[in-house]
C-alpha atoms as a PDB file:
ATOM      1  CA  LYS A   1     -43.556-117.527  53.297  1.00  0.00           C
ATOM      2  CA  SER A   2     -44.409-118.933  50.637  1.00  0.00           C
ATOM      3  CA  PRO A   3     -45.154-116.198  48.065  1.00  0.00           C
ATOM      4  CA  LEU A   4     -48.209-117.184  45.827  1.00  0.00           C
ATOM      5  CA  PHE A   5     -48.942-116.640  42.217  1.00  0.00           C
ATOM      6  CA  GLY A   6     -51.835-116.218  39.993  1.00  0.00           C
ATOM      7  CA  LEU A   7     -51.906-118.681  36.613  1.00  0.00           C
ATOM      8  CA  ASP A   8     -54.318-117.228  33.200  1.00  0.00           C
ATOM      9  CA  CYS A   9     -54.944-119.083  30.594  1.00  0.00           C
ATOM     10  CA  GLU A  10     -56.671-117.543  27.485  1.00  0.00           C
ATOM     11  CA  MET A  11     -57.721-120.423  24.757  1.00  0.00           C
ATOM     12  CA  CYS A  12     -59.555-119.809  20.701  1.00  0.00           C
ATOM     13  CA  ARG A  13     -61.440-122.372  19.136  1.00  0.00           C
ATOM     14  CA  THR A  14     -59.818-124.161  16.531  1.00  0.00           C
ATOM     15  CA  LYS A  15     -59.972-126.443  13.387  1.00  0.00           C
ATOM     16  CA  ALA A  16     -59.799-129.506  16.176  1.00  0.00           C
ATOM     17  CA  ALA A  17     -63.087-128.593  17.299  1.00  0.00           C
ATOM     18  CA  MET A  18     -61.681-127.883  20.376  1.00  0.00           C
ATOM     19  CA  ASN A  19     -60.381-125.043  22.132  1.00  0.00           C
ATOM     20  CA  GLU A  20     -56.610-124.542  22.151  1.00  0.00           C
ATOM     21  CA  LEU A  21     -53.978-122.696  24.542  1.00  0.00           C
ATOM     22  CA  THR A  22     -53.411-119.610  22.766  1.00  0.00           C
ATOM     23  CA  ARG A  23     -52.563-116.845  26.281  1.00  0.00           C
ATOM     24  CA  VAL A  24     -50.700-118.157  29.254  1.00  0.00           C
ATOM     25  CA  SER A  25     -49.942-115.534  31.945  1.00  0.00           C
ATOM     26  CA  ILE A  26     -48.321-115.465  35.870  1.00  0.00           C
ATOM     27  CA  VAL A  27     -48.318-112.714  38.360  1.00  0.00           C
ATOM     28  CA  ASP A  28     -46.971-112.778  42.311  1.00  0.00           C
ATOM     29  CA  GLU A  29     -48.793-111.976  44.777  1.00  0.00           C
ATOM     30  CA  ASN A  30     -48.728-107.654  43.808  1.00  0.00           C
ATOM     31  CA  TYR A  31     -49.990-108.196  40.874  1.00  0.00           C
ATOM     32  CA  ARG A  32     -46.659-108.060  38.289  1.00  0.00           C
ATOM     33  CA  SER A  33     -45.802-109.813  35.226  1.00  0.00           C
ATOM     34  CA  ILE A  34     -44.092-112.804  35.769  1.00  0.00           C
ATOM     35  CA  TYR A  35     -44.525-114.430  32.350  1.00  0.00           C
ATOM     36  CA  GLU A  36     -46.545-113.389  29.537  1.00  0.00           C
ATOM     37  CA  ALA A  37     -47.227-115.888  26.117  1.00  0.00           C
ATOM     38  CA  LEU A  38     -48.639-115.700  23.054  1.00  0.00           C
ATOM     39  CA  VAL A  39     -48.508-119.339  22.199  1.00  0.00           C
ATOM     40  CA  LYS A  40     -50.144-120.424  18.561  1.00  0.00           C
ATOM     41  CA  PRO A  41     -51.991-123.513  18.785  1.00  0.00           C
ATOM     42  CA  ASP A  42     -51.770-127.026  16.952  1.00  0.00           C
ATOM     43  CA  ASN A  43     -54.302-126.498  14.503  1.00  0.00           C
ATOM     44  CA  GLU A  44     -55.978-123.650  12.485  1.00  0.00           C
ATOM     45  CA  ILE A  45     -57.765-120.785  15.029  1.00  0.00           C
ATOM     46  CA  THR A  46     -61.606-121.490  13.597  1.00  0.00           C
ATOM     47  CA  ASN A  47     -62.982-119.161  16.312  1.00  0.00           C
ATOM     48  CA  TYR A  48     -60.756-115.986  18.500  1.00  0.00           C
ATOM     49  CA  LEU A  49     -63.687-116.216  21.566  1.00  0.00           C
ATOM     50  CA  THR A  50     -62.686-112.463  22.025  1.00  0.00           C
ATOM     51  CA  GLN A  51     -65.153-111.261  24.065  1.00  0.00           C
ATOM     52  CA  TRP A  52     -63.848-113.757  26.330  1.00  0.00           C
ATOM     53  CA  SER A  53     -60.173-113.901  25.617  1.00  0.00           C
ATOM     54  CA  GLY A  54     -59.258-111.105  24.212  1.00  0.00           C
ATOM     55  CA  ILE A  55     -57.461-112.124  21.251  1.00  0.00           C
ATOM     56  CA  THR A  56     -57.805-111.352  17.985  1.00  0.00           C
ATOM     57  CA  LYS A  57     -56.699-112.764  14.574  1.00  0.00           C
ATOM     58  CA  GLU A  58     -54.630-109.780  14.783  1.00  0.00           C
ATOM     59  CA  MET A  59     -51.909-110.417  17.408  1.00  0.00           C
ATOM     60  CA  MET A  60     -51.693-113.456  16.664  1.00  0.00           C
ATOM     61  CA  GLU A  61     -50.533-113.448  13.006  1.00  0.00           C
ATOM     62  CA  ASN A  62     -46.364-113.560  13.332  1.00  0.00           C
ATOM     63  CA  VAL A  63     -46.793-115.511  16.861  1.00  0.00           C
ATOM     64  CA  THR A  64     -44.186-118.603  16.600  1.00  0.00           C
ATOM     65  CA  LYS A  65     -44.224-119.710  19.809  1.00  0.00           C
ATOM     66  CA  THR A  66     -46.080-123.138  19.865  1.00  0.00           C
ATOM     67  CA  LEU A  67     -46.409-124.929  23.831  1.00  0.00           C
ATOM     68  CA  LYS A  68     -43.364-126.763  23.614  1.00  0.00           C
ATOM     69  CA  GLU A  69     -41.264-123.889  23.430  1.00  0.00           C
ATOM     70  CA  VAL A  70     -43.078-122.246  26.227  1.00  0.00           C
ATOM     71  CA  ASN A  71     -40.748-122.235  29.457  1.00  0.00           C
ATOM     72  CA  ILE A  72     -42.655-120.810  33.006  1.00  0.00           C
ATOM     73  CA  PRO A  73     -39.510-119.293  34.779  1.00  0.00           C
END
């Protein structure tokens, strides 16, 4: 009888020539959102990988939360 959770992370390509976290989402077994956060990567984004991530430049313009500030309940 333990609860189930689904975790999804979206990434963007950065100047560091690697993918970095830009969104984290958690849902429960009934698909209710438990946590959702956009995350500012440590390095400048060079490719939003929008076709896979759904992330756009406009979505990230005012994001200030870093990975260190992500608090998952």
